[in-house]
N, C-alpha and C. Protein backbone atom coordinates (compact mmCIF):
# COMPACT_ATOMS: atom_id res chain seq x y z
N MET A 1 73.51 89.77 1.02
CA MET A 1 72.58 89.33 0.02
C MET A 1 72.11 90.83 -0.51
N ALA A 2 72.12 90.76 -1.72
CA ALA A 2 71.88 92.27 -2.83
C ALA A 2 70.30 92.53 -2.52
N ALA A 3 70.40 93.95 -2.71
CA ALA A 3 68.89 94.78 -2.44
C ALA A 3 69.05 95.55 -3.71
N TYR A 4 67.90 95.68 -4.13
CA TYR A 4 67.58 96.61 -5.18
C TYR A 4 66.71 97.63 -4.88
N ILE A 5 67.17 99.18 -5.29
CA ILE A 5 66.14 100.14 -5.32
C ILE A 5 65.42 100.42 -6.64
N VAL A 6 64.15 100.58 -7.03
CA VAL A 6 63.19 100.25 -7.79
C VAL A 6 62.57 101.71 -7.85
N PHE A 7 62.94 102.54 -9.03
CA PHE A 7 62.14 103.74 -9.02
C PHE A 7 61.24 103.59 -9.95
N THR A 8 59.86 104.18 -10.10
CA THR A 8 59.17 104.03 -10.98
C THR A 8 58.53 105.64 -11.09
N ARG A 9 58.73 106.05 -12.41
CA ARG A 9 58.27 107.54 -12.49
C ARG A 9 56.58 107.43 -13.29
N GLU A 10 55.72 107.87 -12.47
CA GLU A 10 54.50 107.69 -12.99
C GLU A 10 54.02 108.86 -13.92
N SER A 11 54.34 110.05 -13.39
CA SER A 11 54.09 111.26 -13.97
C SER A 11 55.03 112.61 -13.94
N THR A 12 55.40 113.22 -15.06
CA THR A 12 56.18 114.53 -14.83
C THR A 12 55.09 115.72 -14.67
N HIS A 13 55.98 116.58 -13.66
CA HIS A 13 54.98 117.91 -13.23
C HIS A 13 56.09 119.15 -13.72
N ASP A 14 57.20 118.75 -13.66
CA ASP A 14 58.32 120.01 -13.94
C ASP A 14 59.57 119.33 -14.35
N ALA A 15 59.63 119.49 -15.69
CA ALA A 15 60.67 118.81 -16.47
C ALA A 15 62.04 119.29 -15.99
N ALA A 16 62.04 121.03 -15.95
CA ALA A 16 63.39 121.48 -15.40
C ALA A 16 63.69 120.95 -14.07
N GLU A 17 62.93 120.45 -13.12
CA GLU A 17 63.15 120.32 -11.80
C GLU A 17 63.79 118.50 -12.00
N LEU A 18 63.27 117.90 -12.83
CA LEU A 18 63.89 116.46 -13.26
C LEU A 18 65.34 116.50 -14.04
N ASP A 19 65.49 117.72 -14.79
CA ASP A 19 66.62 117.93 -15.40
C ASP A 19 67.71 118.10 -14.63
N THR A 20 67.60 119.17 -13.43
CA THR A 20 68.55 119.28 -12.20
C THR A 20 68.94 117.86 -11.35
N TYR A 21 67.70 117.39 -11.38
CA TYR A 21 68.10 116.00 -10.52
C TYR A 21 68.64 115.11 -11.36
N MET A 22 68.69 114.97 -12.48
CA MET A 22 69.19 113.94 -13.44
C MET A 22 71.03 114.13 -13.71
N GLN A 23 70.93 115.59 -13.58
CA GLN A 23 72.56 116.12 -13.86
C GLN A 23 73.21 115.88 -12.45
N ALA A 24 72.58 116.00 -11.21
CA ALA A 24 73.26 115.92 -9.75
C ALA A 24 73.30 114.64 -9.36
N VAL A 25 72.17 113.90 -9.61
CA VAL A 25 72.31 112.37 -8.83
C VAL A 25 73.56 111.49 -8.84
N GLY A 26 74.34 111.54 -10.16
CA GLY A 26 75.36 110.65 -10.19
C GLY A 26 76.40 110.83 -9.44
N THR A 27 76.74 112.17 -8.66
CA THR A 27 77.68 112.52 -7.67
C THR A 27 77.38 111.65 -6.37
N THR A 28 75.99 111.47 -6.10
CA THR A 28 75.48 110.97 -4.90
C THR A 28 75.96 109.67 -4.78
N PHE A 29 76.16 108.68 -5.97
CA PHE A 29 76.58 107.46 -5.62
C PHE A 29 78.12 107.31 -5.27
N GLU A 30 78.99 108.20 -5.20
CA GLU A 30 80.39 108.59 -4.78
C GLU A 30 80.38 107.99 -3.48
N GLY A 31 81.23 107.11 -3.23
CA GLY A 31 81.57 106.10 -1.84
C GLY A 31 80.61 105.14 -1.61
N HIS A 32 79.62 104.92 -2.49
CA HIS A 32 78.57 103.87 -2.12
C HIS A 32 78.89 102.83 -3.22
N PRO A 33 78.45 101.56 -2.65
CA PRO A 33 78.90 100.31 -3.44
C PRO A 33 77.62 100.13 -4.30
N VAL A 34 77.59 100.57 -5.44
CA VAL A 34 76.23 100.71 -6.31
C VAL A 34 76.38 100.21 -7.84
N LYS A 35 75.63 99.60 -8.30
CA LYS A 35 75.46 99.30 -9.82
C LYS A 35 74.27 99.74 -10.39
N ILE A 36 74.15 100.42 -11.40
CA ILE A 36 72.94 101.00 -12.09
C ILE A 36 72.60 99.61 -13.04
N LEU A 37 71.31 99.17 -13.00
CA LEU A 37 70.95 97.78 -13.83
C LEU A 37 70.25 98.28 -15.08
N ALA A 38 69.39 99.19 -14.67
CA ALA A 38 68.43 99.86 -15.56
C ALA A 38 68.12 101.55 -15.46
N ALA A 39 67.85 102.19 -16.42
CA ALA A 39 67.53 103.43 -16.19
C ALA A 39 66.83 103.84 -17.47
N TYR A 40 65.48 103.77 -17.40
CA TYR A 40 64.94 104.44 -18.28
C TYR A 40 64.84 103.80 -19.79
N GLY A 41 65.14 102.46 -19.76
CA GLY A 41 65.34 101.72 -20.90
C GLY A 41 63.73 101.59 -21.57
N THR A 42 63.84 100.82 -22.82
CA THR A 42 62.71 100.51 -23.42
C THR A 42 61.77 99.57 -22.66
N GLN A 43 60.46 99.62 -22.56
CA GLN A 43 59.75 98.81 -21.80
C GLN A 43 58.85 97.95 -22.55
N ASP A 44 58.33 96.74 -22.20
CA ASP A 44 57.34 95.72 -22.75
C ASP A 44 56.67 95.59 -21.73
N VAL A 45 55.42 96.40 -21.60
CA VAL A 45 54.57 96.30 -20.44
C VAL A 45 53.65 94.89 -20.45
N LEU A 46 53.97 94.11 -19.52
CA LEU A 46 53.22 92.79 -19.57
C LEU A 46 51.78 92.99 -18.75
N GLU A 47 51.61 93.92 -17.84
CA GLU A 47 50.48 93.86 -16.96
C GLU A 47 50.28 95.41 -16.51
N GLY A 48 49.24 95.88 -16.38
CA GLY A 48 48.72 97.33 -16.01
C GLY A 48 49.10 98.49 -16.83
N LEU A 49 49.23 99.59 -16.16
CA LEU A 49 49.55 100.76 -17.10
C LEU A 49 51.20 101.02 -17.19
N ALA A 50 51.76 101.33 -18.31
CA ALA A 50 53.17 101.70 -18.56
C ALA A 50 53.36 103.14 -17.61
N PRO A 51 54.61 102.92 -16.79
CA PRO A 51 55.06 104.11 -16.28
C PRO A 51 55.90 104.98 -17.31
N GLU A 52 55.95 106.23 -16.86
CA GLU A 52 57.02 106.93 -17.84
C GLU A 52 58.36 106.42 -17.78
N GLY A 53 58.99 105.80 -16.62
CA GLY A 53 60.02 105.20 -16.79
C GLY A 53 60.36 104.59 -15.30
N VAL A 54 61.46 103.60 -15.45
CA VAL A 54 61.78 102.74 -14.55
C VAL A 54 63.65 102.80 -14.38
N VAL A 55 63.97 102.95 -13.11
CA VAL A 55 65.36 102.80 -12.80
C VAL A 55 65.48 101.87 -11.55
N ILE A 56 66.45 100.85 -12.01
CA ILE A 56 66.84 99.71 -10.87
C ILE A 56 68.31 99.80 -10.67
N VAL A 57 68.59 99.97 -9.22
CA VAL A 57 70.05 100.19 -8.81
C VAL A 57 70.21 99.36 -7.95
N GLU A 58 71.40 98.40 -7.78
CA GLU A 58 71.70 97.37 -6.94
C GLU A 58 72.76 97.67 -5.79
N PHE A 59 72.62 97.31 -4.75
CA PHE A 59 73.31 97.30 -3.84
C PHE A 59 73.80 96.13 -3.37
N PRO A 60 74.95 95.88 -2.51
CA PRO A 60 75.18 94.93 -1.82
C PRO A 60 74.29 94.21 -0.64
N THR A 61 73.63 95.14 0.01
CA THR A 61 72.82 94.61 1.03
C THR A 61 71.64 96.03 1.12
N MET A 62 70.76 95.67 1.79
CA MET A 62 69.76 96.62 2.38
C MET A 62 70.26 97.85 3.19
N ALA A 63 71.39 97.30 4.09
CA ALA A 63 71.63 98.78 4.61
C ALA A 63 72.46 99.66 3.69
N ASP A 64 73.32 98.72 2.74
CA ASP A 64 73.74 99.67 1.78
C ASP A 64 72.91 100.64 0.97
N ALA A 65 71.78 99.91 0.56
CA ALA A 65 70.63 100.48 -0.34
C ALA A 65 70.03 101.72 1.03
N ARG A 66 70.16 101.36 1.97
CA ARG A 66 69.31 102.67 2.65
C ARG A 66 70.49 103.63 3.24
N ALA A 67 71.63 103.41 3.26
CA ALA A 67 72.45 104.29 3.53
C ALA A 67 72.83 105.48 2.42
N TRP A 68 72.43 104.93 1.25
CA TRP A 68 72.75 105.85 0.12
C TRP A 68 71.23 106.47 0.21
N TYR A 69 70.37 106.08 0.26
CA TYR A 69 68.96 106.79 -0.07
C TYR A 69 68.92 107.72 1.05
N ASP A 70 69.33 107.54 2.34
CA ASP A 70 69.14 108.34 3.64
C ASP A 70 70.32 109.19 3.55
N SER A 71 71.41 109.33 2.60
CA SER A 71 72.66 110.12 2.73
C SER A 71 72.05 111.68 2.69
N PRO A 72 72.82 112.53 3.23
CA PRO A 72 72.18 113.78 2.97
C PRO A 72 72.75 114.39 1.66
N PRO A 73 73.72 113.90 0.85
CA PRO A 73 73.87 114.25 -0.47
C PRO A 73 72.73 113.71 -1.38
N TYR A 74 72.19 112.63 -1.29
CA TYR A 74 71.00 112.24 -2.24
C TYR A 74 69.74 112.88 -1.67
N GLN A 75 69.40 113.02 -0.47
CA GLN A 75 68.38 113.60 0.14
C GLN A 75 68.30 114.99 -0.37
N ALA A 76 69.62 116.13 -0.46
CA ALA A 76 69.21 117.07 -1.07
C ALA A 76 69.31 117.01 -2.50
N VAL A 77 69.48 116.24 -3.35
CA VAL A 77 69.35 116.16 -4.75
C VAL A 77 67.77 115.22 -4.86
N ALA A 78 67.26 114.66 -4.15
CA ALA A 78 65.97 114.12 -4.36
C ALA A 78 64.78 115.12 -4.47
N GLN A 79 65.27 116.19 -3.62
CA GLN A 79 64.14 117.18 -3.50
C GLN A 79 63.77 117.63 -5.10
N HIS A 80 64.41 117.51 -5.95
CA HIS A 80 64.48 117.99 -7.22
C HIS A 80 63.32 117.06 -7.88
N ARG A 81 63.75 115.67 -7.69
CA ARG A 81 63.00 114.54 -8.16
C ARG A 81 61.45 114.65 -7.70
N TRP A 82 61.36 114.66 -6.40
CA TRP A 82 59.91 115.22 -5.71
C TRP A 82 59.30 116.21 -6.67
N ARG A 83 59.96 117.67 -6.61
CA ARG A 83 59.13 118.48 -7.05
C ARG A 83 58.83 118.16 -8.75
N GLY A 84 59.70 117.54 -9.15
CA GLY A 84 59.57 117.31 -10.63
C GLY A 84 58.61 116.22 -11.13
N ALA A 85 58.28 115.28 -10.62
CA ALA A 85 57.35 114.13 -10.82
C ALA A 85 56.96 113.12 -9.63
N SER A 86 55.81 112.49 -9.89
CA SER A 86 55.53 111.52 -8.85
C SER A 86 56.22 110.16 -9.33
N TYR A 87 56.48 109.38 -8.23
CA TYR A 87 57.48 108.28 -8.33
C TYR A 87 56.84 107.49 -7.23
N ARG A 88 57.35 106.31 -7.39
CA ARG A 88 57.28 105.20 -6.46
C ARG A 88 58.49 104.79 -6.39
N ALA A 89 58.77 104.29 -5.17
CA ALA A 89 60.42 103.55 -5.00
C ALA A 89 60.34 102.85 -3.77
N VAL A 90 60.90 101.67 -4.22
CA VAL A 90 61.08 100.58 -2.99
C VAL A 90 62.40 100.00 -3.23
N ILE A 91 62.59 99.47 -1.88
CA ILE A 91 63.89 98.53 -1.80
C ILE A 91 63.61 97.03 -1.61
N VAL A 92 63.91 96.19 -2.40
CA VAL A 92 63.72 94.94 -2.52
C VAL A 92 64.93 93.91 -2.15
N GLN A 93 64.58 93.12 -1.24
CA GLN A 93 66.03 92.29 -1.15
C GLN A 93 65.98 91.05 -2.11
N GLY A 94 67.28 90.88 -2.56
CA GLY A 94 67.33 89.75 -3.72
C GLY A 94 67.52 88.38 -2.97
N ARG A 95 67.88 87.48 -3.81
CA ARG A 95 67.97 85.98 -3.09
C ARG A 95 69.67 86.00 -3.20
């Protein structure tokens, strides 16, 4: 059953750190069954405050999503995202 990681950027603290993350994150997907469904596209906010940006990434299973997120290559790159901005991230199982 498909699983989705939803990243929601709330606020940026260090644009240079985010740039480093953006330049390096693509290589962390190598060898993982991933599909990027949305990445910082136009938003039509229906409720609540608008986030700075949203990314939705699809994996075949929850285990595949977790394997990518927990992988050493992604965790090394994620350090730049964490230093660069406040995010929320969640894995949600599809139907």
